[in-house]
Amino acid sequence: MRGRGFAILLALLGMAGATGGGSSAPPRPGGLHGLWLKAIEVHQRNRDWYPERVVILSEVLSRGGQPSSLTEMVFRLRLDARGRVQADLERSQKNGEDTTERTRSKVTIRSPEEGVDPGDDTAYSVSLTDSPFAAARQGAVQAFATAERQTLFGRLCRRFNFTYRTAIVRKGKTEELTWRGMAWLDEASGVPVKLEFTFSPLPGLVRSLWSIYLYDIESPDRWVLKRVSMTGSGGFLFIRKNFRTTTTFSQYRRAPSAPRHGPGAAGQP
């Protein structure tokens, strides 16, 4: 089912968004709330971390919500001489069968800026660049604090509703995307703890998509993306499948202080 391939792809593209209820407080002068400004600073300080290991677990679900197909892929990431992230497929399994060699010959690693054919479930993109917390992208962001608070992982967090206008290039044409979502920020420090989202428009074969980003906040001097969970449905005409994908990022390293070039540069979780 091609929707499965989509789930894997989108988990690595770093796309986000989703709407939620609740009253919104007006932003501070300058258009951004104080906690959101702190989140931007956190992002800025941690841009040069990159994971050396990425594990993707992708499931196609039956009508009862049970996995009918299970695929696991393990990627190793490294920096080349120009400071760009390169990805190598280390291991691939489908329903318990080793498919590493067969999959390695099919998988294409490319930057999301190159675009991906919606019908191509052998193309995977590894990117940690696009983020609603990137300082240079705040002109495309609208973020509003709500009155809702939750304790997440031992931290009192405040919920923000946000939209983020961005774009990718697909088949030589620029496609605009809007992230619509909720961000949960630590009320004391502004550290982003969790994102929940969808985005529009969805790819052609995907009918629904819900994503959750969780960040590693255990170390006071490091903030990185830890896990992306995605659930959704996709298909063609009357054939509809549900899917669930979990992508984990680990073994983070800090990139050397060297000039980076282009959109493939490492380090923006």
C-alpha atoms as a PDB file:
ATOM      1  CA  MET A   1       0.000   0.000   0.000  1.00  0.00           C
ATOM      2  CA  ARG A   2       1.515   3.242  -1.149  1.00  0.00           C
ATOM      3  CA  GLY A   3       0.179   5.157   1.849  1.00  0.00           C
ATOM      4  CA  ARG A   4       2.744   3.276   3.948  1.00  0.00           C
ATOM      5  CA  GLY A   5       5.566   4.714   1.896  1.00  0.00           C
ATOM      6  CA  PHE A   6       4.090   8.150   2.359  1.00  0.00           C
ATOM      7  CA  ALA A   7       4.032   7.769   6.132  1.00  0.00           C
ATOM      8  CA  ILE A   8       7.736   6.984   6.175  1.00  0.00           C
ATOM      9  CA  LEU A   9       8.543   9.871   3.901  1.00  0.00           C
ATOM     10  CA  LEU A  10       6.535  12.437   5.812  1.00  0.00           C
ATOM     11  CA  ALA A  11       7.973  11.354   9.142  1.00  0.00           C
ATOM     12  CA  LEU A  12      11.386  12.453   7.942  1.00  0.00           C
ATOM     13  CA  LEU A  13      10.374  15.576   6.110  1.00  0.00           C
ATOM     14  CA  GLY A  14       9.708  17.349   9.398  1.00  0.00           C
ATOM     15  CA  MET A  15       6.297  18.711   8.401  1.00  0.00           C
ATOM     16  CA  ALA A  16       3.802  19.789  11.052  1.00  0.00           C
ATOM     17  CA  GLY A  17       0.457  21.495  11.837  1.00  0.00           C
ATOM     18  CA  ALA A  18      -3.162  20.993  13.303  1.00  0.00           C
ATOM     19  CA  THR A  19      -5.902  23.104  14.710  1.00  0.00           C
ATOM     20  CA  GLY A  20      -7.235  23.057  18.231  1.00  0.00           C
ATOM     21  CA  GLY A  21      -9.822  24.837  20.294  1.00  0.00           C
ATOM     22  CA  GLY A  22      -9.359  27.100  23.267  1.00  0.00           C
ATOM     23  CA  SER A  23      -9.141  30.828  23.736  1.00  0.00           C
ATOM     24  CA  SER A  24      -6.077  32.625  22.416  1.00  0.00           C
ATOM     25  CA  ALA A  25      -4.175  35.374  24.172  1.00  0.00           C
ATOM     26  CA  PRO A  26      -2.836  38.221  22.028  1.00  0.00           C
ATOM     27  CA  PRO A  27       0.868  38.036  21.166  1.00  0.00           C
ATOM     28  CA  ARG A  28       3.337  40.433  22.738  1.00  0.00           C
ATOM     29  CA  PRO A  29       4.448  43.560  20.883  1.00  0.00           C
ATOM     30  CA  GLY A  30       6.374  42.581  17.774  1.00  0.00           C
ATOM     31  CA  GLY A  31       3.921  39.773  17.071  1.00  0.00           C
ATOM     32  CA  LEU A  32       5.456  36.954  19.148  1.00  0.00           C
ATOM     33  CA  HIS A  33       4.708  35.822  22.684  1.00  0.00           C
ATOM     34  CA  GLY A  34       7.576  35.769  25.195  1.00  0.00           C
ATOM     35  CA  LEU A  35       7.573  31.965  25.526  1.00  0.00           C
ATOM     36  CA  TRP A  36       7.653  31.566  21.752  1.00  0.00           C
ATOM     37  CA  LEU A  37      10.661  33.905  21.618  1.00  0.00           C
ATOM     38  CA  LYS A  38      12.387  31.655  24.159  1.00  0.00           C
ATOM     39  CA  ALA A  39      11.596  28.625  21.979  1.00  0.00           C
ATOM     40  CA  ILE A  40      13.282  30.378  19.037  1.00  0.00           C
ATOM     41  CA  GLU A  41      16.374  30.903  21.184  1.00  0.00           C
ATOM     42  CA  VAL A  42      16.383  27.216  22.160  1.00  0.00           C
ATOM     43  CA  HIS A  43      16.210  26.235  18.498  1.00  0.00           C
ATOM     44  CA  GLN A  44      18.998  28.655  17.618  1.00  0.00           C
ATOM     45  CA  ARG A  45      21.322  27.204  20.273  1.00  0.00           C
ATOM     46  CA  ASN A  46      20.738  23.616  19.130  1.00  0.00           C
ATOM     47  CA  ARG A  47      20.809  23.873  15.350  1.00  0.00           C
ATOM     48  CA  ASP A  48      24.047  21.931  14.927  1.00  0.00           C
ATOM     49  CA  TRP A  49      22.999  18.648  16.560  1.00  0.00           C
ATOM     50  CA  TYR A  50      22.340  15.740  14.190  1.00  0.00           C
ATOM     51  CA  PRO A  51      21.433  12.067  14.832  1.00  0.00           C
ATOM     52  CA  GLU A  52      23.679   9.285  13.645  1.00  0.00           C
ATOM     53  CA  ARG A  53      20.906   6.691  13.885  1.00  0.00           C
ATOM     54  CA  VAL A  54      17.331   6.836  12.572  1.00  0.00           C
ATOM     55  CA  VAL A  55      14.910   3.924  12.999  1.00  0.00           C
ATOM     56  CA  ILE A  56      11.610   3.863  11.110  1.00  0.00           C
ATOM     57  CA  LEU A  57       8.882   1.422  12.130  1.00  0.00           C
ATOM     58  CA  SER A  58       5.968   1.467   9.681  1.00  0.00           C
ATOM     59  CA  GLU A  59       2.734  -0.487  10.044  1.00  0.00           C
ATOM     60  CA  VAL A  60      -0.270  -1.026   7.800  1.00  0.00           C
ATOM     61  CA  LEU A  61      -3.282  -1.594  10.037  1.00  0.00           C
ATOM     62  CA  SER A  62      -6.326  -3.801   9.665  1.00  0.00           C
ATOM     63  CA  ARG A  63      -9.836  -2.500  10.248  1.00  0.00           C
ATOM     64  CA  GLY A  64      -9.499  -3.662  13.830  1.00  0.00           C
ATOM     65  CA  GLY A  65      -6.372  -1.559  14.275  1.00  0.00           C
ATOM     66  CA  GLN A  66      -3.988  -4.531  14.293  1.00  0.00           C
ATOM     67  CA  PRO A  67      -0.808  -4.532  12.167  1.00  0.00           C
ATOM     68  CA  SER A  68      -1.236  -6.463   8.923  1.00  0.00           C
ATOM     69  CA  SER A  69       2.206  -5.501   7.642  1.00  0.00           C
ATOM     70  CA  LEU A  70       5.281  -4.357   9.549  1.00  0.00           C
ATOM     71  CA  THR A  71       8.398  -2.760   8.064  1.00  0.00           C
ATOM     72  CA  GLU A  72      11.497  -1.640   9.963  1.00  0.00           C
ATOM     73  CA  MET A  73      14.295   0.410   8.431  1.00  0.00           C
ATOM     74  CA  VAL A  74      17.489   1.581  10.128  1.00  0.00           C
ATOM     75  CA  PHE A  75      19.510   4.456   8.667  1.00  0.00           C
ATOM     76  CA  ARG A  76      22.983   5.656   9.633  1.00  0.00           C
ATOM     77  CA  LEU A  77      23.592   9.373   9.144  1.00  0.00           C
ATOM     78  CA  ARG A  78      26.955  11.086   8.711  1.00  0.00           C
ATOM     79  CA  LEU A  79      28.332  14.416   7.601  1.00  0.00           C
ATOM     80  CA  ASP A  80      30.272  14.738   4.373  1.00  0.00           C
ATOM     81  CA  ALA A  81      33.201  17.103   3.822  1.00  0.00           C
ATOM     82  CA  ARG A  82      30.812  19.980   3.072  1.00  0.00           C
ATOM     83  CA  GLY A  83      28.828  19.506   6.271  1.00  0.00           C
ATOM     84  CA  ARG A  84      25.823  17.902   4.559  1.00  0.00           C
ATOM     85  CA  VAL A  85      23.967  14.981   6.073  1.00  0.00           C
ATOM     86  CA  GLN A  86      24.362  11.719   4.150  1.00  0.00           C
ATOM     87  CA  ALA A  87      22.214   8.674   4.940  1.00  0.00           C
ATOM     88  CA  ASP A  88      22.989   4.980   4.474  1.00  0.00           C
ATOM     89  CA  LEU A  89      20.474   2.160   4.848  1.00  0.00           C
ATOM     90  CA  GLU A  90      21.869  -0.189   7.473  1.00  0.00           C
ATOM     91  CA  ARG A  91      19.055  -2.697   7.813  1.00  0.00           C
ATOM     92  CA  SER A  92      15.565  -3.333   6.463  1.00  0.00           C
ATOM     93  CA  GLN A  93      12.996  -5.954   7.460  1.00  0.00           C
ATOM     94  CA  LYS A  94       9.455  -6.590   6.304  1.00  0.00           C
ATOM     95  CA  ASN A  95       7.233  -8.944   8.283  1.00  0.00           C
ATOM     96  CA  GLY A  96      10.321 -10.567   9.799  1.00  0.00           C
ATOM     97  CA  GLU A  97      12.109 -11.091   6.476  1.00  0.00           C
ATOM     98  CA  ASP A  98      15.446  -9.406   5.851  1.00  0.00           C
ATOM     99  CA  THR A  99      15.016  -7.110   2.856  1.00  0.00           C
ATOM    100  CA  THR A 100      18.158  -5.028   3.282  1.00  0.00           C
ATOM    101  CA  GLU A 101      19.862  -5.715  -0.034  1.00  0.00           C
ATOM    102  CA  ARG A 102      16.666  -5.564  -2.054  1.00  0.00           C
ATOM    103  CA  THR A 103      15.568  -2.320  -0.404  1.00  0.00           C
ATOM    104  CA  ARG A 104      19.007  -0.704  -0.544  1.00  0.00           C
ATOM    105  CA  SER A 105      18.953  -0.950  -4.339  1.00  0.00           C
ATOM    106  CA  LYS A 106      15.584   0.824  -4.479  1.00  0.00           C
ATOM    107  CA  VAL A 107      15.708   3.471  -1.784  1.00  0.00           C
ATOM    108  CA  THR A 108      16.696   6.952  -2.950  1.00  0.00           C
ATOM    109  CA  ILE A 109      17.885   9.447  -0.355  1.00  0.00           C
ATOM    110  CA  ARG A 110      17.120  12.983  -1.422  1.00  0.00           C
ATOM    111  CA  SER A 111      16.530  16.419   0.011  1.00  0.00           C
ATOM    112  CA  PRO A 112      12.857  17.405   0.493  1.00  0.00           C
ATOM    113  CA  GLU A 113      13.521  20.475  -1.634  1.00  0.00           C
ATOM    114  CA  GLU A 114      13.882  18.115  -4.607  1.00  0.00           C
ATOM    115  CA  GLY A 115      10.349  16.887  -4.125  1.00  0.00           C
ATOM    116  CA  VAL A 116       8.958  13.358  -4.161  1.00  0.00           C
ATOM    117  CA  ASP A 117       6.555  11.690  -6.547  1.00  0.00           C
ATOM    118  CA  PRO A 118       3.368  10.868  -4.551  1.00  0.00           C
ATOM    119  CA  GLY A 119       3.234   7.450  -6.241  1.00  0.00           C
ATOM    120  CA  ASP A 120       6.846   6.561  -5.416  1.00  0.00           C
ATOM    121  CA  ASP A 121       7.060   4.616  -2.152  1.00  0.00           C
ATOM    122  CA  THR A 122      10.751   3.799  -2.632  1.00  0.00           C
ATOM    123  CA  ALA A 123      11.898   7.398  -2.114  1.00  0.00           C
ATOM    124  CA  TYR A 124      12.769   8.428   1.413  1.00  0.00           C
ATOM    125  CA  SER A 125      13.946  11.830   2.531  1.00  0.00           C
ATOM    126  CA  VAL A 126      16.053  12.479   5.613  1.00  0.00           C
ATOM    127  CA  SER A 127      15.865  16.118   6.704  1.00  0.00           C
ATOM    128  CA  LEU A 128      15.876  17.907  10.040  1.00  0.00           C
ATOM    129  CA  THR A 129      15.811  21.438   8.685  1.00  0.00           C
ATOM    130  CA  ASP A 130      12.336  22.974   8.459  1.00  0.00           C
ATOM    131  CA  SER A 131      10.873  24.164  11.770  1.00  0.00           C
ATOM    132  CA  PRO A 132       8.312  26.714  12.971  1.00  0.00           C
ATOM    133  CA  PHE A 133      10.904  27.706  15.607  1.00  0.00           C
ATOM    134  CA  ALA A 134      13.590  28.718  13.084  1.00  0.00           C
ATOM    135  CA  ALA A 135      14.426  32.395  13.620  1.00  0.00           C
ATOM    136  CA  ALA A 136      14.711  33.157   9.923  1.00  0.00           C
ATOM    137  CA  ARG A 137      11.227  31.760   9.236  1.00  0.00           C
ATOM    138  CA  GLN A 138       9.211  33.748  11.792  1.00  0.00           C
ATOM    139  CA  GLY A 139       7.724  35.978   9.096  1.00  0.00           C
ATOM    140  CA  ALA A 140       5.800  32.895   7.957  1.00  0.00           C
ATOM    141  CA  VAL A 141       4.625  31.948  11.470  1.00  0.00           C
ATOM    142  CA  GLN A 142       1.571  32.965  13.469  1.00  0.00           C
ATOM    143  CA  ALA A 143       1.592  31.691  17.063  1.00  0.00           C
ATOM    144  CA  PHE A 144      -0.942  32.420  19.800  1.00  0.00           C
ATOM    145  CA  ALA A 145      -0.809  31.358  23.448  1.00  0.00           C
ATOM    146  CA  THR A 146      -3.934  29.693  24.829  1.00  0.00           C
ATOM    147  CA  ALA A 147      -5.090  29.373  28.406  1.00  0.00           C
ATOM    148  CA  GLU A 148      -4.632  25.587  28.328  1.00  0.00           C
ATOM    149  CA  ARG A 149      -1.812  24.047  30.354  1.00  0.00           C
ATOM    150  CA  GLN A 150      -0.722  20.420  30.746  1.00  0.00           C
ATOM    151  CA  THR A 151       1.992  18.683  32.718  1.00  0.00           C
ATOM    152  CA  LEU A 152       4.086  16.739  30.193  1.00  0.00           C
ATOM    153  CA  PHE A 153       7.074  14.649  31.294  1.00  0.00           C
ATOM    154  CA  GLY A 154       7.173  16.489  34.610  1.00  0.00           C
ATOM    155  CA  ARG A 155       7.033  19.979  33.062  1.00  0.00           C
ATOM    156  CA  LEU A 156       4.146  22.426  33.182  1.00  0.00           C
ATOM    157  CA  CYS A 157       3.566  23.346  29.542  1.00  0.00           C
ATOM    158  CA  ARG A 158       1.463  26.005  27.876  1.00  0.00           C
ATOM    159  CA  ARG A 159      -0.280  25.323  24.605  1.00  0.00           C
ATOM    160  CA  PHE A 160       0.208  27.514  21.544  1.00  0.00           C
ATOM    161  CA  ASN A 161      -1.849  27.330  18.367  1.00  0.00           C
ATOM    162  CA  PHE A 162       0.246  28.092  15.317  1.00  0.00           C
ATOM    163  CA  THR A 163       0.303  28.180  11.534  1.00  0.00           C
ATOM    164  CA  TYR A 164       3.440  28.071   9.458  1.00  0.00           C
ATOM    165  CA  ARG A 165       3.620  28.751   5.716  1.00  0.00           C
ATOM    166  CA  THR A 166       6.374  26.906   3.897  1.00  0.00           C
ATOM    167  CA  ALA A 167       6.966  25.160   0.565  1.00  0.00           C
ATOM    168  CA  ILE A 168       8.719  22.295  -1.187  1.00  0.00           C
ATOM    169  CA  VAL A 169       9.726  21.893  -4.819  1.00  0.00           C
ATOM    170  CA  ARG A 170       8.158  18.891  -6.532  1.00  0.00           C
ATOM    171  CA  LYS A 171       8.987  18.015 -10.141  1.00  0.00           C
ATOM    172  CA  GLY A 172      10.456  21.455 -10.662  1.00  0.00           C
ATOM    173  CA  LYS A 173       7.411  23.291  -9.329  1.00  0.00           C
ATOM    174  CA  THR A 174       7.067  25.054  -5.986  1.00  0.00           C
ATOM    175  CA  GLU A 175       4.212  23.769  -3.822  1.00  0.00           C
ATOM    176  CA  GLU A 176       3.047  25.792  -0.850  1.00  0.00           C
ATOM    177  CA  LEU A 177       2.265  24.015   2.399  1.00  0.00           C
ATOM    178  CA  THR A 178       0.634  25.283   5.574  1.00  0.00           C
ATOM    179  CA  TRP A 179       1.346  23.662   8.894  1.00  0.00           C
ATOM    180  CA  ARG A 180      -1.522  24.014  11.382  1.00  0.00           C
ATOM    181  CA  GLY A 181      -0.856  22.823  14.844  1.00  0.00           C
ATOM    182  CA  MET A 182      -0.352  22.932  18.552  1.00  0.00           C
ATOM    183  CA  ALA A 183       2.982  23.451  20.277  1.00  0.00           C
ATOM    184  CA  TRP A 184       3.490  22.694  23.956  1.00  0.00           C
ATOM    185  CA  LEU A 185       6.171  24.907  25.516  1.00  0.00           C
ATOM    186  CA  ASP A 186       7.665  24.600  28.995  1.00  0.00           C
ATOM    187  CA  GLU A 187       6.128  27.535  30.834  1.00  0.00           C
ATOM    188  CA  ALA A 188       9.325  28.251  32.773  1.00  0.00           C
ATOM    189  CA  SER A 189      11.940  28.007  30.022  1.00  0.00           C
ATOM    190  CA  GLY A 190      10.062  28.083  26.707  1.00  0.00           C
ATOM    191  CA  VAL A 191      11.627  24.755  25.672  1.00  0.00           C
ATOM    192  CA  PRO A 192       9.404  23.011  23.086  1.00  0.00           C
ATOM    193  CA  VAL A 193       8.309  19.687  24.557  1.00  0.00           C
ATOM    194  CA  LYS A 194       5.717  18.457  22.064  1.00  0.00           C
ATOM    195  CA  LEU A 195       4.146  19.300  18.714  1.00  0.00           C
ATOM    196  CA  GLU A 196       0.835  17.899  17.444  1.00  0.00           C
ATOM    197  CA  PHE A 197      -0.160  18.597  13.870  1.00  0.00           C
ATOM    198  CA  THR A 198      -1.356  17.976  10.364  1.00  0.00           C
ATOM    199  CA  PHE A 199      -0.717  20.078   7.262  1.00  0.00           C
ATOM    200  CA  SER A 200      -2.439  21.083   4.060  1.00  0.00           C
ATOM    201  CA  PRO A 201      -2.671  20.193   1.332  1.00  0.00           C
ATOM    202  CA  LEU A 202      -2.043  16.518   2.000  1.00  0.00           C
ATOM    203  CA  PRO A 203      -0.325  14.414  -0.681  1.00  0.00           C
ATOM    204  CA  GLY A 204      -2.685  12.956  -3.234  1.00  0.00           C
ATOM    205  CA  LEU A 205      -2.896   9.427  -1.835  1.00  0.00           C
ATOM    206  CA  VAL A 206      -3.100  10.459   1.825  1.00  0.00           C
ATOM    207  CA  ARG A 207      -6.605  11.194   3.129  1.00  0.00           C
ATOM    208  CA  SER A 208      -5.782  11.981   6.746  1.00  0.00           C
ATOM    209  CA  LEU A 209      -2.643  12.463   8.810  1.00  0.00           C
ATOM    210  CA  TRP A 210      -1.939  13.208  12.465  1.00  0.00           C
ATOM    211  CA  SER A 211       1.584  13.666  13.762  1.00  0.00           C
ATOM    212  CA  ILE A 212       3.219  14.035  17.155  1.00  0.00           C
ATOM    213  CA  TYR A 213       6.783  15.279  17.668  1.00  0.00           C
ATOM    214  CA  LEU A 214       8.478  14.612  21.010  1.00  0.00           C
ATOM    215  CA  TYR A 215      11.770  16.259  21.966  1.00  0.00           C
ATOM    216  CA  ASP A 216      14.601  15.028  24.178  1.00  0.00           C
ATOM    217  CA  ILE A 217      14.634  17.506  27.048  1.00  0.00           C
ATOM    218  CA  GLU A 218      16.544  15.493  29.658  1.00  0.00           C
ATOM    219  CA  SER A 219      19.836  17.336  29.196  1.00  0.00           C
ATOM    220  CA  PRO A 220      19.790  21.063  30.056  1.00  0.00           C
ATOM    221  CA  ASP A 221      22.358  21.863  27.357  1.00  0.00           C
ATOM    222  CA  ARG A 222      20.743  19.881  24.523  1.00  0.00           C
ATOM    223  CA  TRP A 223      17.337  20.012  22.827  1.00  0.00           C
ATOM    224  CA  VAL A 224      16.812  17.562  19.950  1.00  0.00           C
ATOM    225  CA  LEU A 225      14.034  15.700  18.193  1.00  0.00           C
ATOM    226  CA  LYS A 226      13.551  12.284  19.815  1.00  0.00           C
ATOM    227  CA  ARG A 227      10.522  10.681  18.188  1.00  0.00           C
ATOM    228  CA  VAL A 228       7.965  11.340  15.480  1.00  0.00           C
ATOM    229  CA  SER A 229       4.715   9.349  15.555  1.00  0.00           C
ATOM    230  CA  MET A 230       2.284   9.521  12.656  1.00  0.00           C
ATOM    231  CA  THR A 231      -1.107   7.935  12.089  1.00  0.00           C
ATOM    232  CA  GLY A 232      -3.331   8.328   9.073  1.00  0.00           C
ATOM    233  CA  SER A 233      -5.160   6.758   6.195  1.00  0.00           C
ATOM    234  CA  GLY A 234      -4.608   6.633   2.479  1.00  0.00           C
ATOM    235  CA  GLY A 235      -5.530   4.735  -0.622  1.00  0.00           C
ATOM    236  CA  PHE A 236      -7.115   4.889  -4.042  1.00  0.00           C
ATOM    237  CA  LEU A 237     -10.860   4.943  -4.829  1.00  0.00           C
ATOM    238  CA  PHE A 238     -12.528   2.365  -2.538  1.00  0.00           C
ATOM    239  CA  ILE A 239      -9.276   0.819  -1.323  1.00  0.00           C
ATOM    240  CA  ARG A 240      -8.413   2.469   1.976  1.00  0.00           C
ATOM    241  CA  LYS A 241      -5.705   1.536   4.451  1.00  0.00           C
ATOM    242  CA  ASN A 242      -4.767   2.915   7.832  1.00  0.00           C
ATOM    243  CA  PHE A 243      -1.096   3.326   8.685  1.00  0.00           C
ATOM    244  CA  ARG A 244       1.059   4.121  11.670  1.00  0.00           C
ATOM    245  CA  THR A 245       4.711   5.140  11.585  1.00  0.00           C
ATOM    246  CA  THR A 246       7.158   5.790  14.404  1.00  0.00           C
ATOM    247  CA  THR A 247      10.554   7.328  13.685  1.00  0.00           C
ATOM    248  CA  THR A 248      13.164   7.568  16.434  1.00  0.00           C
ATOM    249  CA  PHE A 249      16.333   9.671  16.316  1.00  0.00           C
ATOM    250  CA  SER A 250      19.294   8.826  18.542  1.00  0.00           C
ATOM    251  CA  GLN A 251      23.071   8.958  18.982  1.00  0.00           C
ATOM    252  CA  TYR A 252      23.220  12.702  18.428  1.00  0.00           C
ATOM    253  CA  ARG A 253      26.471  14.458  17.663  1.00  0.00           C
ATOM    254  CA  ARG A 254      27.309  18.104  17.352  1.00  0.00           C
ATOM    255  CA  ALA A 255      28.489  19.135  13.915  1.00  0.00           C
ATOM    256  CA  PRO A 256      31.937  20.745  13.689  1.00  0.00           C
ATOM    257  CA  SER A 257      31.997  24.519  13.404  1.00  0.00           C
ATOM    258  CA  ALA A 258      32.320  24.742   9.641  1.00  0.00           C
ATOM    259  CA  PRO A 259      30.451  26.527   6.864  1.00  0.00           C
ATOM    260  CA  ARG A 260      27.332  24.715   5.734  1.00  0.00           C
ATOM    261  CA  HIS A 261      26.014  24.844   2.219  1.00  0.00           C
ATOM    262  CA  GLY A 262      22.468  24.638   0.913  1.00  0.00           C
ATOM    263  CA  PRO A 263      19.246  23.055   2.236  1.00  0.00           C
ATOM    264  CA  GLY A 264      20.905  19.730   2.971  1.00  0.00           C
ATOM    265  CA  ALA A 265      23.004  21.214   5.754  1.00  0.00           C
ATOM    266  CA  ALA A 266      22.755  19.406   9.048  1.00  0.00           C
ATOM    267  CA  GLY A 267      21.583  20.312  12.438  1.00  0.00           C
ATOM    268  CA  GLN A 268      18.111  21.878  12.708  1.00  0.00           C
ATOM    269  CA  PRO A 269      16.022  19.381  14.659  1.00  0.00           C
END
